Amino acid sequence: MNELTKNKIKTIKKKFKNNTAYKFLQQCMEIIGNEDRFIILNLLNKKPCLLSDIENKLNRSQPSISHHIRILEQHKLIYSYKKGKFKEYSIYRETFVKLLNIWNQWFYAIRSRND
């Protein structure tokens, strides 16, 4: 494998900085890379859950879970809706479709590259 030169690294960084799709991919990977958030997403992928359900499954405090929920909601990976006097959380499937499409484009670019 060829060694990356400083110029190649600068070029890659510049392309990445100007590519909003890849920035979206990077942000999502950082968010999903957190173990608690990854577990929350897996729980919600099976079925919508109340905050108390998530707390019980993760055995974490309400403030800790709320912090992770807030991050997931801010990045539109999950959404909430009222269920009686409680909030229920669900996966935002459209975001994951977008994420998967960008992921596939990225891998296609890697596979088709001629070194």
PDB file of N, CA and C in Angstrom:
ATOM      1  N   MET A   1       0.844  -1.167   0.000  1.00  0.00           N
ATOM      2  CA  MET A   1       0.000   0.000   0.000  1.00  0.00           C
ATOM      3  C   MET A   1       0.897   1.240   0.000  1.00  0.00           C
ATOM      4  N   ASN A   2       0.512   2.227  -0.798  1.00  0.00           N
ATOM      5  CA  ASN A   2       1.269   3.474  -0.873  1.00  0.00           C
ATOM      6  C   ASN A   2       1.129   4.243   0.418  1.00  0.00           C
ATOM      7  N   GLU A   3       2.218   4.919   0.780  1.00  0.00           N
ATOM      8  CA  GLU A   3       2.200   5.760   1.964  1.00  0.00           C
ATOM      9  C   GLU A   3       1.465   7.059   1.639  1.00  0.00           C
ATOM     10  N   LEU A   4       0.651   7.518   2.563  1.00  0.00           N
ATOM     11  CA  LEU A   4      -0.052   8.783   2.346  1.00  0.00           C
ATOM     12  C   LEU A   4       0.907   9.936   2.588  1.00  0.00           C
ATOM     13  N   THR A   5       1.012  10.802   1.616  1.00  0.00           N
ATOM     14  CA  THR A   5       1.845  11.984   1.782  1.00  0.00           C
ATOM     15  C   THR A   5       1.024  13.078   2.428  1.00  0.00           C
ATOM     16  N   LYS A   6       1.695  14.111   2.907  1.00  0.00           N
ATOM     17  CA  LYS A   6       0.991  15.238   3.530  1.00  0.00           C
ATOM     18  C   LYS A   6       0.046  15.898   2.537  1.00  0.00           C
ATOM     19  N   ASN A   7       0.445  15.991   1.283  1.00  0.00           N
ATOM     20  CA  ASN A   7      -0.416  16.598   0.264  1.00  0.00           C
ATOM     21  C   ASN A   7      -1.669  15.771   0.024  1.00  0.00           C
ATOM     22  N   LYS A   8      -1.513  14.437  -0.008  1.00  0.00           N
ATOM     23  CA  LYS A   8      -2.681  13.576  -0.195  1.00  0.00           C
ATOM     24  C   LYS A   8      -3.644  13.713   0.984  1.00  0.00           C
ATOM     25  N   ILE A   9      -3.092  13.775   2.184  1.00  0.00           N
ATOM     26  CA  ILE A   9      -3.924  13.925   3.378  1.00  0.00           C
ATOM     27  C   ILE A   9      -4.670  15.255   3.338  1.00  0.00           C
ATOM     28  N   LYS A  10      -3.989  16.328   2.943  1.00  0.00           N
ATOM     29  CA  LYS A  10      -4.648  17.639   2.827  1.00  0.00           C
ATOM     30  C   LYS A  10      -5.770  17.594   1.805  1.00  0.00           C
ATOM     31  N   THR A  11      -5.528  16.929   0.679  1.00  0.00           N
ATOM     32  CA  THR A  11      -6.550  16.804  -0.371  1.00  0.00           C
ATOM     33  C   THR A  11      -7.760  16.038   0.145  1.00  0.00           C
ATOM     34  N   ILE A  12      -7.513  14.938   0.845  1.00  0.00           N
ATOM     35  CA  ILE A  12      -8.602  14.134   1.402  1.00  0.00           C
ATOM     36  C   ILE A  12      -9.399  14.962   2.408  1.00  0.00           C
ATOM     37  N   LYS A  13      -8.704  15.664   3.288  1.00  0.00           N
ATOM     38  CA  LYS A  13      -9.382  16.496   4.291  1.00  0.00           C
ATOM     39  C   LYS A  13     -10.220  17.583   3.629  1.00  0.00           C
ATOM     40  N   LYS A  14      -9.692  18.187   2.565  1.00  0.00           N
ATOM     41  CA  LYS A  14     -10.425  19.252   1.868  1.00  0.00           C
ATOM     42  C   LYS A  14     -11.689  18.688   1.218  1.00  0.00           C
ATOM     43  N   LYS A  15     -11.562  17.544   0.551  1.00  0.00           N
ATOM     44  CA  LYS A  15     -12.735  16.915  -0.075  1.00  0.00           C
ATOM     45  C   LYS A  15     -13.770  16.555   0.988  1.00  0.00           C
ATOM     46  N   PHE A  16     -13.284  16.017   2.091  1.00  0.00           N
ATOM     47  CA  PHE A  16     -14.192  15.617   3.169  1.00  0.00           C
ATOM     48  C   PHE A  16     -14.892  16.832   3.769  1.00  0.00           C
ATOM     49  N   LYS A  17     -14.149  17.892   3.991  1.00  0.00           N
ATOM     50  CA  LYS A  17     -14.702  19.108   4.601  1.00  0.00           C
ATOM     51  C   LYS A  17     -15.824  19.693   3.739  1.00  0.00           C
ATOM     52  N   ASN A  18     -15.699  19.563   2.424  1.00  0.00           N
ATOM     53  CA  ASN A  18     -16.686  20.123   1.501  1.00  0.00           C
ATOM     54  C   ASN A  18     -17.819  19.152   1.179  1.00  0.00           C
ATOM     55  N   ASN A  19     -17.759  17.957   1.704  1.00  0.00           N
ATOM     56  CA  ASN A  19     -18.777  16.950   1.398  1.00  0.00           C
ATOM     57  C   ASN A  19     -19.705  16.777   2.597  1.00  0.00           C
ATOM     58  N   THR A  20     -20.887  17.354   2.520  1.00  0.00           N
ATOM     59  CA  THR A  20     -21.821  17.303   3.649  1.00  0.00           C
ATOM     60  C   THR A  20     -22.315  15.882   3.911  1.00  0.00           C
ATOM     61  N   ALA A  21     -22.395  15.069   2.888  1.00  0.00           N
ATOM     62  CA  ALA A  21     -22.849  13.687   3.071  1.00  0.00           C
ATOM     63  C   ALA A  21     -21.850  12.919   3.935  1.00  0.00           C
ATOM     64  N   TYR A  22     -20.564  13.079   3.659  1.00  0.00           N
ATOM     65  CA  TYR A  22     -19.558  12.365   4.442  1.00  0.00           C
ATOM     66  C   TYR A  22     -19.477  12.915   5.864  1.00  0.00           C
ATOM     67  N   LYS A  23     -19.719  14.212   6.020  1.00  0.00           N
ATOM     68  CA  LYS A  23     -19.748  14.786   7.370  1.00  0.00           C
ATOM     69  C   LYS A  23     -20.912  14.191   8.160  1.00  0.00           C
ATOM     70  N   PHE A  24     -22.062  14.038   7.485  1.00  0.00           N
ATOM     71  CA  PHE A  24     -23.222  13.410   8.109  1.00  0.00           C
ATOM     72  C   PHE A  24     -22.876  11.983   8.539  1.00  0.00           C
ATOM     73  N   LEU A  25     -22.213  11.236   7.664  1.00  0.00           N
ATOM     74  CA  LEU A  25     -21.795   9.867   7.959  1.00  0.00           C
ATOM     75  C   LEU A  25     -20.876   9.838   9.177  1.00  0.00           C
ATOM     76  N   GLN A  26     -19.899  10.732   9.211  1.00  0.00           N
ATOM     77  CA  GLN A  26     -18.965  10.786  10.330  1.00  0.00           C
ATOM     78  C   GLN A  26     -19.688  11.101  11.639  1.00  0.00           C
ATOM     79  N   GLN A  27     -20.572  12.083  11.618  1.00  0.00           N
ATOM     80  CA  GLN A  27     -21.304  12.448  12.832  1.00  0.00           C
ATOM     81  C   GLN A  27     -22.152  11.280  13.332  1.00  0.00           C
ATOM     82  N   CYS A  28     -22.844  10.627  12.424  1.00  0.00           N
ATOM     83  CA  CYS A  28     -23.686   9.487  12.823  1.00  0.00           C
ATOM     84  C   CYS A  28     -22.842   8.369  13.419  1.00  0.00           C
ATOM     85  N   MET A  29     -21.700   8.101  12.821  1.00  0.00           N
ATOM     86  CA  MET A  29     -20.838   7.037  13.333  1.00  0.00           C
ATOM     87  C   MET A  29     -20.318   7.374  14.725  1.00  0.00           C
ATOM     88  N   GLU A  30     -19.993   8.647  14.958  1.00  0.00           N
ATOM     89  CA  GLU A  30     -19.544   9.073  16.285  1.00  0.00           C
ATOM     90  C   GLU A  30     -20.658   8.881  17.310  1.00  0.00           C
ATOM     91  N   ILE A  31     -21.868   9.248  16.931  1.00  0.00           N
ATOM     92  CA  ILE A  31     -23.008   9.143  17.841  1.00  0.00           C
ATOM     93  C   ILE A  31     -23.333   7.676  18.119  1.00  0.00           C
ATOM     94  N   ILE A  32     -23.419   6.884  17.093  1.00  0.00           N
ATOM     95  CA  ILE A  32     -23.768   5.471  17.223  1.00  0.00           C
ATOM     96  C   ILE A  32     -22.636   4.692  17.898  1.00  0.00           C
ATOM     97  N   GLY A  33     -21.422   5.193  17.798  1.00  0.00           N
ATOM     98  CA  GLY A  33     -20.264   4.527  18.386  1.00  0.00           C
ATOM     99  C   GLY A  33     -20.277   4.478  19.902  1.00  0.00           C
ATOM    100  N   ASN A  34     -21.082   5.312  20.534  1.00  0.00           N
ATOM    101  CA  ASN A  34     -21.208   5.275  21.984  1.00  0.00           C
ATOM    102  C   ASN A  34     -22.022   4.036  22.360  1.00  0.00           C
ATOM    103  N   GLU A  35     -21.506   3.239  23.286  1.00  0.00           N
ATOM    104  CA  GLU A  35     -22.139   1.966  23.636  1.00  0.00           C
ATOM    105  C   GLU A  35     -23.584   2.123  24.114  1.00  0.00           C
ATOM    106  N   ASP A  36     -23.845   3.081  24.994  1.00  0.00           N
ATOM    107  CA  ASP A  36     -25.207   3.274  25.501  1.00  0.00           C
ATOM    108  C   ASP A  36     -26.164   3.683  24.387  1.00  0.00           C
ATOM    109  N   ARG A  37     -25.726   4.596  23.516  1.00  0.00           N
ATOM    110  CA  ARG A  37     -26.597   5.026  22.414  1.00  0.00           C
ATOM    111  C   ARG A  37     -26.834   3.881  21.431  1.00  0.00           C
ATOM    112  N   PHE A  38     -25.807   3.076  21.204  1.00  0.00           N
ATOM    113  CA  PHE A  38     -25.950   1.920  20.318  1.00  0.00           C
ATOM    114  C   PHE A  38     -26.986   0.945  20.884  1.00  0.00           C
ATOM    115  N   ILE A  39     -26.936   0.704  22.188  1.00  0.00           N
ATOM    116  CA  ILE A  39     -27.901  -0.192  22.831  1.00  0.00           C
ATOM    117  C   ILE A  39     -29.309   0.402  22.757  1.00  0.00           C
ATOM    118  N   ILE A  40     -29.423   1.709  22.987  1.00  0.00           N
ATOM    119  CA  ILE A  40     -30.733   2.372  22.890  1.00  0.00           C
ATOM    120  C   ILE A  40     -31.310   2.190  21.491  1.00  0.00           C
ATOM    121  N   LEU A  41     -30.495   2.410  20.475  1.00  0.00           N
ATOM    122  CA  LEU A  41     -30.961   2.244  19.092  1.00  0.00           C
ATOM    123  C   LEU A  41     -31.392   0.807  18.819  1.00  0.00           C
ATOM    124  N   ASN A  42     -30.656  -0.155  19.355  1.00  0.00           N
ATOM    125  CA  ASN A  42     -31.034  -1.560  19.173  1.00  0.00           C
ATOM    126  C   ASN A  42     -32.351  -1.881  19.867  1.00  0.00           C
ATOM    127  N   LEU A  43     -32.558  -1.330  21.051  1.00  0.00           N
ATOM    128  CA  LEU A  43     -33.838  -1.518  21.746  1.00  0.00           C
ATOM    129  C   LEU A  43     -34.981  -0.941  20.926  1.00  0.00           C
ATOM    130  N   LEU A  44     -34.779   0.279  20.429  1.00  0.00           N
ATOM    131  CA  LEU A  44     -35.833   0.962  19.680  1.00  0.00           C
ATOM    132  C   LEU A  44     -36.055   0.339  18.310  1.00  0.00           C
ATOM    133  N   ASN A  45     -35.057  -0.346  17.798  1.00  0.00           N
ATOM    134  CA  ASN A  45     -35.220  -1.014  16.513  1.00  0.00           C
ATOM    135  C   ASN A  45     -36.194  -2.186  16.633  1.00  0.00           C
ATOM    136  N   LYS A  46     -36.246  -2.781  17.814  1.00  0.00           N
ATOM    137  CA  LYS A  46     -37.171  -3.902  18.045  1.00  0.00           C
ATOM    138  C   LYS A  46     -38.599  -3.405  18.213  1.00  0.00           C
ATOM    139  N   LYS A  47     -38.760  -2.309  18.988  1.00  0.00           N
ATOM    140  CA  LYS A  47     -40.089  -1.741  19.225  1.00  0.00           C
ATOM    141  C   LYS A  47     -39.937  -0.392  19.920  1.00  0.00           C
ATOM    142  N   PRO A  48     -40.922   0.484  19.794  1.00  0.00           N
ATOM    143  CA  PRO A  48     -40.893   1.756  20.504  1.00  0.00           C
ATOM    144  C   PRO A  48     -40.841   1.505  22.022  1.00  0.00           C
ATOM    145  N   CYS A  49     -40.171   2.388  22.752  1.00  0.00           N
ATOM    146  CA  CYS A  49     -40.017   2.215  24.200  1.00  0.00           C
ATOM    147  C   CYS A  49     -40.248   3.530  24.941  1.00  0.00           C
ATOM    148  N   LEU A  50     -40.693   3.397  26.173  1.00  0.00           N
ATOM    149  CA  LEU A  50     -40.762   4.525  27.095  1.00  0.00           C
ATOM    150  C   LEU A  50     -39.381   4.715  27.725  1.00  0.00           C
ATOM    151  N   LEU A  51     -39.142   5.894  28.260  1.00  0.00           N
ATOM    152  CA  LEU A  51     -37.868   6.181  28.914  1.00  0.00           C
ATOM    153  C   LEU A  51     -37.609   5.175  30.036  1.00  0.00           C
ATOM    154  N   SER A  52     -38.635   4.852  30.796  1.00  0.00           N
ATOM    155  CA  SER A  52     -38.465   3.903  31.909  1.00  0.00           C
ATOM    156  C   SER A  52     -38.045   2.513  31.408  1.00  0.00           C
ATOM    157  N   ASP A  53     -38.559   2.109  30.246  1.00  0.00           N
ATOM    158  CA  ASP A  53     -38.154   0.819  29.657  1.00  0.00           C
ATOM    159  C   ASP A  53     -36.661   0.829  29.326  1.00  0.00           C
ATOM    160  N   ILE A  54     -36.217   1.932  28.758  1.00  0.00           N
ATOM    161  CA  ILE A  54     -34.808   2.062  28.370  1.00  0.00           C
ATOM    162  C   ILE A  54     -33.932   2.073  29.619  1.00  0.00           C
ATOM    163  N   GLU A  55     -34.350   2.813  30.642  1.00  0.00           N
ATOM    164  CA  GLU A  55     -33.609   2.862  31.911  1.00  0.00           C
ATOM    165  C   GLU A  55     -33.431   1.454  32.476  1.00  0.00           C
ATOM    166  N   ASN A  56     -34.526   0.687  32.504  1.00  0.00           N
ATOM    167  CA  ASN A  56     -34.477  -0.665  33.070  1.00  0.00           C
ATOM    168  C   ASN A  56     -33.563  -1.580  32.273  1.00  0.00           C
ATOM    169  N   LYS A  57     -33.618  -1.490  30.956  1.00  0.00           N
ATOM    170  CA  LYS A  57     -32.799  -2.367  30.105  1.00  0.00           C
ATOM    171  C   LYS A  57     -31.310  -2.038  30.242  1.00  0.00           C
ATOM    172  N   LEU A  58     -30.980  -0.746  30.340  1.00  0.00           N
ATOM    173  CA  LEU A  58     -29.586  -0.337  30.419  1.00  0.00           C
ATOM    174  C   LEU A  58     -29.069  -0.281  31.852  1.00  0.00           C
ATOM    175  N   ASN A  59     -29.988  -0.294  32.816  1.00  0.00           N
ATOM    176  CA  ASN A  59     -29.615  -0.169  34.220  1.00  0.00           C
ATOM    177  C   ASN A  59     -28.783   1.101  34.455  1.00  0.00           C
ATOM    178  N   ARG A  60     -29.275   2.201  33.895  1.00  0.00           N
ATOM    179  CA  ARG A  60     -28.632   3.515  34.030  1.00  0.00           C
ATOM    180  C   ARG A  60     -29.642   4.487  34.630  1.00  0.00           C
ATOM    181  N   SER A  61     -29.128   5.601  35.103  1.00  0.00           N
ATOM    182  CA  SER A  61     -29.995   6.610  35.714  1.00  0.00           C
ATOM    183  C   SER A  61     -30.787   7.360  34.645  1.00  0.00           C
ATOM    184  N   GLN A  62     -31.894   7.957  35.067  1.00  0.00           N
ATOM    185  CA  GLN A  62     -32.740   8.725  34.155  1.00  0.00           C
ATOM    186  C   GLN A  62     -31.978   9.888  33.524  1.00  0.00           C
ATOM    187  N   PRO A  63     -31.173  10.663  34.296  1.00  0.00           N
ATOM    188  CA  PRO A  63     -30.428  11.758  33.655  1.00  0.00           C
ATOM    189  C   PRO A  63     -29.440  11.274  32.589  1.00  0.00           C
ATOM    190  N   SER A  64     -28.814  10.136  32.835  1.00  0.00           N
ATOM    191  CA  SER A  64     -27.865   9.584  31.862  1.00  0.00           C
ATOM    192  C   SER A  64     -28.582   9.180  30.576  1.00  0.00           C
ATOM    193  N   ILE A  65     -29.695   8.482  30.713  1.00  0.00           N
ATOM    194  CA  ILE A  65     -30.472   8.058  29.547  1.00  0.00           C
ATOM    195  C   ILE A  65     -31.013   9.272  28.802  1.00  0.00           C
ATOM    196  N   SER A  66     -31.523  10.247  29.547  1.00  0.00           N
ATOM    197  CA  SER A  66     -32.066  11.463  28.929  1.00  0.00           C
ATOM    198  C   SER A  66     -31.012  12.188  28.106  1.00  0.00           C
ATOM    199  N   HIS A  67     -29.786  12.215  28.613  1.00  0.00           N
ATOM    200  CA  HIS A  67     -28.674  12.846  27.881  1.00  0.00           C
ATOM    201  C   HIS A  67     -28.478  12.164  26.523  1.00  0.00           C
ATOM    202  N   HIS A  68     -28.440  10.836  26.510  1.00  0.00           N
ATOM    203  CA  HIS A  68     -28.246  10.090  25.266  1.00  0.00           C
ATOM    204  C   HIS A  68     -29.449  10.239  24.331  1.00  0.00           C
ATOM    205  N   ILE A  69     -30.636  10.225  24.905  1.00  0.00           N
ATOM    206  CA  ILE A  69     -31.861  10.408  24.117  1.00  0.00           C
ATOM    207  C   ILE A  69     -31.836  11.770  23.426  1.00  0.00           C
ATOM    208  N   ARG A  70     -31.446  12.791  24.150  1.00  0.00           N
ATOM    209  CA  ARG A  70     -31.397  14.151  23.597  1.00  0.00           C
ATOM    210  C   ARG A  70     -30.448  14.214  22.400  1.00  0.00           C
ATOM    211  N   ILE A  71     -29.289  13.593  22.523  1.00  0.00           N
ATOM    212  CA  ILE A  71     -28.317  13.575  21.419  1.00  0.00           C
ATOM    213  C   ILE A  71     -28.900  12.836  20.209  1.00  0.00           C
ATOM    214  N   LEU A  72     -29.529  11.704  20.445  1.00  0.00           N
ATOM    215  CA  LEU A  72     -30.128  10.930  19.353  1.00  0.00           C
ATOM    216  C   LEU A  72     -31.261  11.698  18.679  1.00  0.00           C
ATOM    217  N   GLU A  73     -32.047  12.417  19.467  1.00  0.00           N
ATOM    218  CA  GLU A  73     -33.137  13.221  18.895  1.00  0.00           C
ATOM    219  C   GLU A  73     -32.599  14.411  18.104  1.00  0.00           C
ATOM    220  N   GLN A  74     -31.570  15.076  18.640  1.00  0.00           N
ATOM    221  CA  GLN A  74     -30.993  16.242  17.949  1.00  0.00           C
ATOM    222  C   GLN A  74     -30.487  15.879  16.561  1.00  0.00           C
ATOM    223  N   HIS A  75     -30.004  14.680  16.412  1.00  0.00           N
ATOM    224  CA  HIS A  75     -29.464  14.245  15.119  1.00  0.00           C
ATOM    225  C   HIS A  75     -30.476  13.434  14.314  1.00  0.00           C
ATOM    226  N   LYS A  76     -31.733  13.484  14.755  1.00  0.00           N
ATOM    227  CA  LYS A  76     -32.847  12.851  14.046  1.00  0.00           C
ATOM    228  C   LYS A  76     -32.648  11.348  13.822  1.00  0.00           C
ATOM    229  N   LEU A  77     -32.003  10.695  14.790  1.00  0.00           N
ATOM    230  CA  LEU A  77     -31.888   9.243  14.739  1.00  0.00           C
ATOM    231  C   LEU A  77     -33.090   8.591  15.415  1.00  0.00           C
ATOM    232  N   ILE A  78     -33.699   9.325  16.358  1.00  0.00           N
ATOM    233  CA  ILE A  78     -34.925   8.866  17.000  1.00  0.00           C
ATOM    234  C   ILE A  78     -35.878  10.047  17.132  1.00  0.00           C
ATOM    235  N   TYR A  79     -37.133   9.749  17.425  1.00  0.00           N
ATOM    236  CA  TYR A  79     -38.118  10.800  17.693  1.00  0.00           C
ATOM    237  C   TYR A  79     -39.017  10.323  18.819  1.00  0.00           C
ATOM    238  N   SER A  80     -39.719  11.270  19.419  1.00  0.00           N
ATOM    239  CA  SER A  80     -40.622  10.923  20.515  1.00  0.00           C
ATOM    240  C   SER A  80     -42.023  11.412  20.207  1.00  0.00           C
ATOM    241  N   TYR A  81     -42.984  10.798  20.849  1.00  0.00           N
ATOM    242  CA  TYR A  81     -44.372  11.212  20.738  1.00  0.00           C
ATOM    243  C   TYR A  81     -45.052  10.870  22.056  1.00  0.00           C
ATOM    244  N   LYS A  82     -46.108  11.597  22.334  1.00  0.00           N
ATOM    245  CA  LYS A  82     -46.844  11.403  23.585  1.00  0.00           C
ATOM    246  C   LYS A  82     -47.642  10.112  23.540  1.00  0.00           C
ATOM    247  N   LYS A  83     -47.548   9.368  24.608  1.00  0.00           N
ATOM    248  CA  LYS A  83     -48.374   8.176  24.796  1.00  0.00           C
ATOM    249  C   LYS A  83     -48.960   8.310  26.200  1.00  0.00           C
ATOM    250  N   GLY A  84     -50.165   8.877  26.254  1.00  0.00           N
ATOM    251  CA  GLY A  84     -50.756   9.209  27.549  1.00  0.00           C
ATOM    252  C   GLY A  84     -49.984  10.364  28.156  1.00  0.00           C
ATOM    253  N   LYS A  85     -49.504  10.170  29.378  1.00  0.00           N
ATOM    254  CA  LYS A  85     -48.714  11.238  29.997  1.00  0.00           C
ATOM    255  C   LYS A  85     -47.212  11.007  29.864  1.00  0.00           C
ATOM    256  N   PHE A  86     -46.830   9.996  29.102  1.00  0.00           N
ATOM    257  CA  PHE A  86     -45.422   9.660  28.916  1.00  0.00           C
ATOM    258  C   PHE A  86     -45.003   9.890  27.459  1.00  0.00           C
ATOM    259  N   LYS A  87     -43.681   9.919  27.248  1.00  0.00           N
ATOM    260  CA  LYS A  87     -43.126   9.992  25.897  1.00  0.00           C
ATOM    261  C   LYS A  87     -42.665   8.600  25.497  1.00  0.00           C
ATOM    262  N   GLU A  88     -42.978   8.244  24.265  1.00  0.00           N
ATOM    263  CA  GLU A  88     -42.473   6.996  23.722  1.00  0.00           C
ATOM    264  C   GLU A  88     -41.475   7.344  22.622  1.00  0.00           C
ATOM    265  N   TYR A  89     -40.415   6.566  22.521  1.00  0.00           N
ATOM    266  CA  TYR A  89     -39.343   6.833  21.566  1.00  0.00           C
ATOM    267  C   TYR A  89     -39.320   5.764  20.487  1.00  0.00           C
ATOM    268  N   SER A  90     -38.981   6.205  19.286  1.00  0.00           N
ATOM    269  CA  SER A  90     -38.940   5.319  18.130  1.00  0.00           C
ATOM    270  C   SER A  90     -37.766   5.695  17.230  1.00  0.00           C
ATOM    271  N   ILE A  91     -37.350   4.741  16.422  1.00  0.00           N
ATOM    272  CA  ILE A  91     -36.285   4.959  15.433  1.00  0.00           C
ATOM    273  C   ILE A  91     -36.824   5.854  14.320  1.00  0.00           C
ATOM    274  N   TYR A  92     -36.010   6.786  13.893  1.00  0.00           N
ATOM    275  CA  TYR A  92     -36.352   7.641  12.751  1.00  0.00           C
ATOM    276  C   TYR A  92     -35.793   6.931  11.516  1.00  0.00           C
ATOM    277  N   ARG A  93     -36.585   6.095  10.902  1.00  0.00           N
ATOM    278  CA  ARG A  93     -36.133   5.214   9.814  1.00  0.00           C
ATOM    279  C   ARG A  93     -35.585   5.976   8.609  1.00  0.00           C
ATOM    280  N   GLU A  94     -36.162   7.131   8.300  1.00  0.00           N
ATOM    281  CA  GLU A  94     -35.712   7.909   7.138  1.00  0.00           C
ATOM    282  C   GLU A  94     -34.240   8.306   7.282  1.00  0.00           C
ATOM    283  N   THR A  95     -33.816   8.631   8.498  1.00  0.00           N
ATOM    284  CA  THR A  95     -32.419   8.999   8.717  1.00  0.00           C
ATOM    285  C   THR A  95     -31.514   7.807   8.460  1.00  0.00           C
ATOM    286  N   PHE A  96     -31.955   6.612   8.877  1.00  0.00           N
ATOM    287  CA  PHE A  96     -31.133   5.428   8.664  1.00  0.00           C
ATOM    288  C   PHE A  96     -31.077   5.030   7.197  1.00  0.00           C
ATOM    289  N   VAL A  97     -32.134   5.292   6.455  1.00  0.00           N
ATOM    290  CA  VAL A  97     -32.112   5.054   5.006  1.00  0.00           C
ATOM    291  C   VAL A  97     -31.073   5.980   4.370  1.00  0.00           C
ATOM    292  N   LYS A  98     -31.089   7.245   4.760  1.00  0.00           N
ATOM    293  CA  LYS A  98     -30.110   8.216   4.255  1.00  0.00           C
ATOM    294  C   LYS A  98     -28.694   7.786   4.631  1.00  0.00           C
ATOM    295  N   LEU A  99     -28.507   7.389   5.879  1.00  0.00           N
ATOM    296  CA  LEU A  99     -27.202   6.947   6.357  1.00  0.00           C
ATOM    297  C   LEU A  99     -26.703   5.746   5.562  1.00  0.00           C
ATOM    298  N   LEU A 100     -27.579   4.782   5.324  1.00  0.00           N
ATOM    299  CA  LEU A 100     -27.197   3.589   4.562  1.00  0.00           C
ATOM    300  C   LEU A 100     -26.824   3.937   3.121  1.00  0.00           C
ATOM    301  N   ASN A 101     -27.564   4.847   2.504  1.00  0.00           N
ATOM    302  CA  ASN A 101     -27.241   5.261   1.132  1.00  0.00           C
ATOM    303  C   ASN A 101     -25.862   5.922   1.063  1.00  0.00           C
ATOM    304  N   ILE A 102     -25.577   6.791   2.004  1.00  0.00           N
ATOM    305  CA  ILE A 102     -24.262   7.453   2.023  1.00  0.00           C
ATOM    306  C   ILE A 102     -23.168   6.433   2.299  1.00  0.00           C
ATOM    307  N   TRP A 103     -23.421   5.526   3.232  1.00  0.00           N
ATOM    308  CA  TRP A 103     -22.470   4.458   3.562  1.00  0.00           C
ATOM    309  C   TRP A 103     -22.144   3.639   2.306  1.00  0.00           C
ATOM    310  N   ASN A 104     -23.185   3.259   1.553  1.00  0.00           N
ATOM    311  CA  ASN A 104     -22.980   2.481   0.328  1.00  0.00           C
ATOM    312  C   ASN A 104     -22.192   3.261  -0.718  1.00  0.00           C
ATOM    313  N   GLN A 105     -22.475   4.555  -0.867  1.00  0.00           N
ATOM    314  CA  GLN A 105     -21.718   5.388  -1.811  1.00  0.00           C
ATOM    315  C   GLN A 105     -20.256   5.441  -1.415  1.00  0.00           C
ATOM    316  N   TRP A 106     -20.014   5.587  -0.123  1.00  0.00           N
ATOM    317  CA  TRP A 106     -18.645   5.677   0.392  1.00  0.00           C
ATOM    318  C   TRP A 106     -17.890   4.379   0.104  1.00  0.00           C
ATOM    319  N   PHE A 107     -18.519   3.232   0.399  1.00  0.00           N
ATOM    320  CA  PHE A 107     -17.867   1.958   0.137  1.00  0.00           C
ATOM    321  C   PHE A 107     -17.675   1.713  -1.355  1.00  0.00           C
ATOM    322  N   TYR A 108     -18.639   2.136  -2.173  1.00  0.00           N
ATOM    323  CA  TYR A 108     -18.490   1.991  -3.615  1.00  0.00           C
ATOM    324  C   TYR A 108     -17.269   2.790  -4.093  1.00  0.00           C
ATOM    325  N   ALA A 109     -17.116   3.993  -3.550  1.00  0.00           N
ATOM    326  CA  ALA A 109     -15.960   4.831  -3.925  1.00  0.00           C
ATOM    327  C   ALA A 109     -14.647   4.152  -3.515  1.00  0.00           C
ATOM    328  N   ILE A 110     -14.638   3.510  -2.377  1.00  0.00           N
ATOM    329  CA  ILE A 110     -13.428   2.810  -1.920  1.00  0.00           C
ATOM    330  C   ILE A 110     -13.148   1.595  -2.802  1.00  0.00           C
ATOM    331  N   ARG A 111     -14.184   0.818  -3.099  1.00  0.00           N
ATOM    332  CA  ARG A 111     -13.998  -0.382  -3.909  1.00  0.00           C
ATOM    333  C   ARG A 111     -13.553  -0.066  -5.330  1.00  0.00           C
ATOM    334  N   SER A 112     -14.058   1.024  -5.879  1.00  0.00           N
ATOM    335  CA  SER A 112     -13.786   1.320  -7.285  1.00  0.00           C
ATOM    336  C   SER A 112     -12.491   2.111  -7.483  1.00  0.00           C
ATOM    337  N   ARG A 113     -11.844   2.469  -6.386  1.00  0.00           N
ATOM    338  CA  ARG A 113     -10.605   3.240  -6.477  1.00  0.00           C
ATOM    339  C   ARG A 113      -9.459   2.393  -7.010  1.00  0.00           C
ATOM    340  N   ASN A 114      -8.712   2.950  -7.929  1.00  0.00           N
ATOM    341  CA  ASN A 114      -7.517   2.277  -8.461  1.00  0.00           C
ATOM    342  C   ASN A 114      -6.291   2.934  -7.866  1.00  0.00           C
ATOM    343  N   ASP A 115      -5.543   2.177  -7.066  1.00  0.00           N
ATOM    344  CA  ASP A 115      -4.299   2.722  -6.469  1.00  0.00           C
ATOM    345  C   ASP A 115      -3.134   2.545  -7.390  1.00  0.00           C
TER     346      ASP A 115
END
